[in-house]
C-alpha atoms as a PDB file:
ATOM      1  CA  UNK A   1     117.399  44.548  93.330  1.00  0.00           C
ATOM      2  CA  UNK A   2     113.920  45.884  94.136  1.00  0.00           C
ATOM      3  CA  UNK A   3     112.372  48.400  91.792  1.00  0.00           C
ATOM      4  CA  UNK A   4     111.368  51.905  92.771  1.00  0.00           C
ATOM      5  CA  UNK A   5     107.695  50.887  92.765  1.00  0.00           C
ATOM      6  CA  UNK A   6     108.354  48.065  95.231  1.00  0.00           C
ATOM      7  CA  UNK A   7     110.327  50.396  97.498  1.00  0.00           C
ATOM      8  CA  UNK A   8     107.507  52.978  97.341  1.00  0.00           C
ATOM      9  CA  UNK A   9     104.874  50.347  98.154  1.00  0.00           C
ATOM     10  CA  UNK A  10     106.911  49.090 101.104  1.00  0.00           C
ATOM     11  CA  UNK A  11     107.397  52.615 102.447  1.00  0.00           C
ATOM     12  CA  UNK A  12     103.711  53.398 101.980  1.00  0.00           C
ATOM     13  CA  UNK A  13     102.679  50.196 103.763  1.00  0.00           C
ATOM     14  CA  UNK A  14     105.037  50.967 106.633  1.00  0.00           C
ATOM     15  CA  UNK A  15     103.735  54.538 107.010  1.00  0.00           C
ATOM     16  CA  UNK A  16     100.115  53.311 107.049  1.00  0.00           C
ATOM     17  CA  UNK A  17     101.093  50.774 109.714  1.00  0.00           C
ATOM     18  CA  UNK A  18     102.503  53.544 111.905  1.00  0.00           C
ATOM     19  CA  UNK A  19      99.451  55.741 111.311  1.00  0.00           C
ATOM     20  CA  UNK A  20      97.233  52.897 112.464  1.00  0.00           C
ATOM     21  CA  UNK A  21      99.279  52.608 115.656  1.00  0.00           C
ATOM     22  CA  UNK A  22      98.507  56.161 116.836  1.00  0.00           C
ATOM     23  CA  UNK A  23      96.425  56.225 119.988  1.00  0.00           C
ATOM     24  CA  UNK A  24      93.773  58.864 120.514  1.00  0.00           C
ATOM     25  CA  UNK A  25      94.516  61.532 123.100  1.00  0.00           C
ATOM     26  CA  UNK A  26      93.042  61.222 126.563  1.00  0.00           C
ATOM     27  CA  UNK A  27      89.607  62.737 126.888  1.00  0.00           C
ATOM     28  CA  UNK A  28      89.681  66.466 127.459  1.00  0.00           C
ATOM     29  CA  UNK A  29      93.257  66.961 126.295  1.00  0.00           C
ATOM     30  CA  UNK A  30      94.343  68.290 122.941  1.00  0.00           C
ATOM     31  CA  UNK A  31      97.968  67.325 122.257  1.00  0.00           C
ATOM     32  CA  UNK A  32      98.392  69.972 119.529  1.00  0.00           C
ATOM     33  CA  UNK A  33      97.191  72.916 121.635  1.00  0.00           C
ATOM     34  CA  UNK A  34      99.710  74.471 123.979  1.00  0.00           C
ATOM     35  CA  UNK A  35      97.481  75.865 126.722  1.00  0.00           C
ATOM     36  CA  UNK A  36     100.268  77.911 128.317  1.00  0.00           C
ATOM     37  CA  UNK A  37     101.189  79.455 124.998  1.00  0.00           C
ATOM     38  CA  UNK A  38      97.543  80.114 124.227  1.00  0.00           C
ATOM     39  CA  UNK A  39      97.178  82.132 127.427  1.00  0.00           C
ATOM     40  CA  UNK A  40     100.313  84.141 126.595  1.00  0.00           C
ATOM     41  CA  UNK A  41      98.883  84.960 123.168  1.00  0.00           C
ATOM     42  CA  UNK A  42      95.589  86.137 124.703  1.00  0.00           C
ATOM     43  CA  UNK A  43      97.493  88.329 127.161  1.00  0.00           C
ATOM     44  CA  UNK A  44      99.634  89.756 124.358  1.00  0.00           C
ATOM     45  CA  UNK A  45      96.597  90.574 122.219  1.00  0.00           C
ATOM     46  CA  UNK A  46      94.885  92.318 125.150  1.00  0.00           C
ATOM     47  CA  UNK A  47      98.012  94.346 125.945  1.00  0.00           C
ATOM     48  CA  UNK A  48      98.444  95.263 122.283  1.00  0.00           C
ATOM     49  CA  UNK A  49      94.840  96.472 122.076  1.00  0.00           C
ATOM     50  CA  UNK A  50      95.279  98.577 125.208  1.00  0.00           C
ATOM     51  CA  UNK A  51      98.524 100.030 123.852  1.00  0.00           C
ATOM     52  CA  UNK A  52      96.923 100.939 120.513  1.00  0.00           C
ATOM     53  CA  UNK A  53      93.978 102.658 122.201  1.00  0.00           C
ATOM     54  CA  UNK A  54      96.390 104.544 124.491  1.00  0.00           C
ATOM     55  CA  UNK A  55      98.602 105.748 121.640  1.00  0.00           C
ATOM     56  CA  UNK A  56      95.612 106.781 119.550  1.00  0.00           C
ATOM     57  CA  UNK A  57      94.140 108.532 122.613  1.00  0.00           C
ATOM     58  CA  UNK A  58      97.301 110.575 122.998  1.00  0.00           C
ATOM     59  CA  UNK A  59      97.206 111.552 119.329  1.00  0.00           C
ATOM     60  CA  UNK A  60      93.450 112.156 118.984  1.00  0.00           C
ATOM     61  CA  UNK A  61      90.863 111.885 121.790  1.00  0.00           C
ATOM     62  CA  UNK A  62      87.951 111.769 119.322  1.00  0.00           C
ATOM     63  CA  UNK A  63      89.382 108.739 117.550  1.00  0.00           C
ATOM     64  CA  UNK A  64      90.008 107.100 120.928  1.00  0.00           C
ATOM     65  CA  UNK A  65      86.338 107.517 121.874  1.00  0.00           C
ATOM     66  CA  UNK A  66      85.272 106.086 118.509  1.00  0.00           C
ATOM     67  CA  UNK A  67      87.530 103.044 118.939  1.00  0.00           C
ATOM     68  CA  UNK A  68      86.313 102.409 122.489  1.00  0.00           C
ATOM     69  CA  UNK A  69      82.676 102.721 121.358  1.00  0.00           C
ATOM     70  CA  UNK A  70      83.321 100.274 118.509  1.00  0.00           C
ATOM     71  CA  UNK A  71      84.992  97.770 120.864  1.00  0.00           C
ATOM     72  CA  UNK A  72      82.114  97.971 123.358  1.00  0.00           C
ATOM     73  CA  UNK A  73      79.471  97.642 120.642  1.00  0.00           C
ATOM     74  CA  UNK A  74      81.301  94.699 119.055  1.00  0.00           C
ATOM     75  CA  UNK A  75      81.686  92.960 122.424  1.00  0.00           C
ATOM     76  CA  UNK A  76      77.996  93.421 123.152  1.00  0.00           C
ATOM     77  CA  UNK A  77      76.957  92.027 119.781  1.00  0.00           C
ATOM     78  CA  UNK A  78      79.343  89.072 120.079  1.00  0.00           C
ATOM     79  CA  UNK A  79      77.916  88.281 123.521  1.00  0.00           C
ATOM     80  CA  UNK A  80      74.341  88.588 122.232  1.00  0.00           C
ATOM     81  CA  UNK A  81      74.937  86.340 119.234  1.00  0.00           C
ATOM     82  CA  UNK A  82      76.851  83.853 121.359  1.00  0.00           C
ATOM     83  CA  UNK A  83      73.961  83.524 123.835  1.00  0.00           C
ATOM     84  CA  UNK A  84      71.385  83.320 121.035  1.00  0.00           C
ATOM     85  CA  UNK A  85      73.432  80.585 119.350  1.00  0.00           C
ATOM     86  CA  UNK A  86      73.324  78.297 122.381  1.00  0.00           C
END
C-alpha cells in the first residue's frame, strides 16, 4: 500500500504534467476576458453615472453642477496624463 507521501508526489507530478501541456492562447485573444461582458459592464457603469447625476440634479442643482465639473476636470486630466505617458 503506497504511503501518503508517495500519493502526494504522484498527484503533484501529474498536475505539473498537465500544467506543462497548456498551450498559449492565440495572439490577440485573452481567454480569461469576456469581451461581451466587459462591454456590458462599461455600459452599466455609464448608465449608473448618468442616473446618479440625474438624481442629484433633481435634489440639488448646485451639487449637480459640482459633480459635472469634477467629471469634466477628471476626464481632461486623465486624457492629458494618458497622452503624456505615451
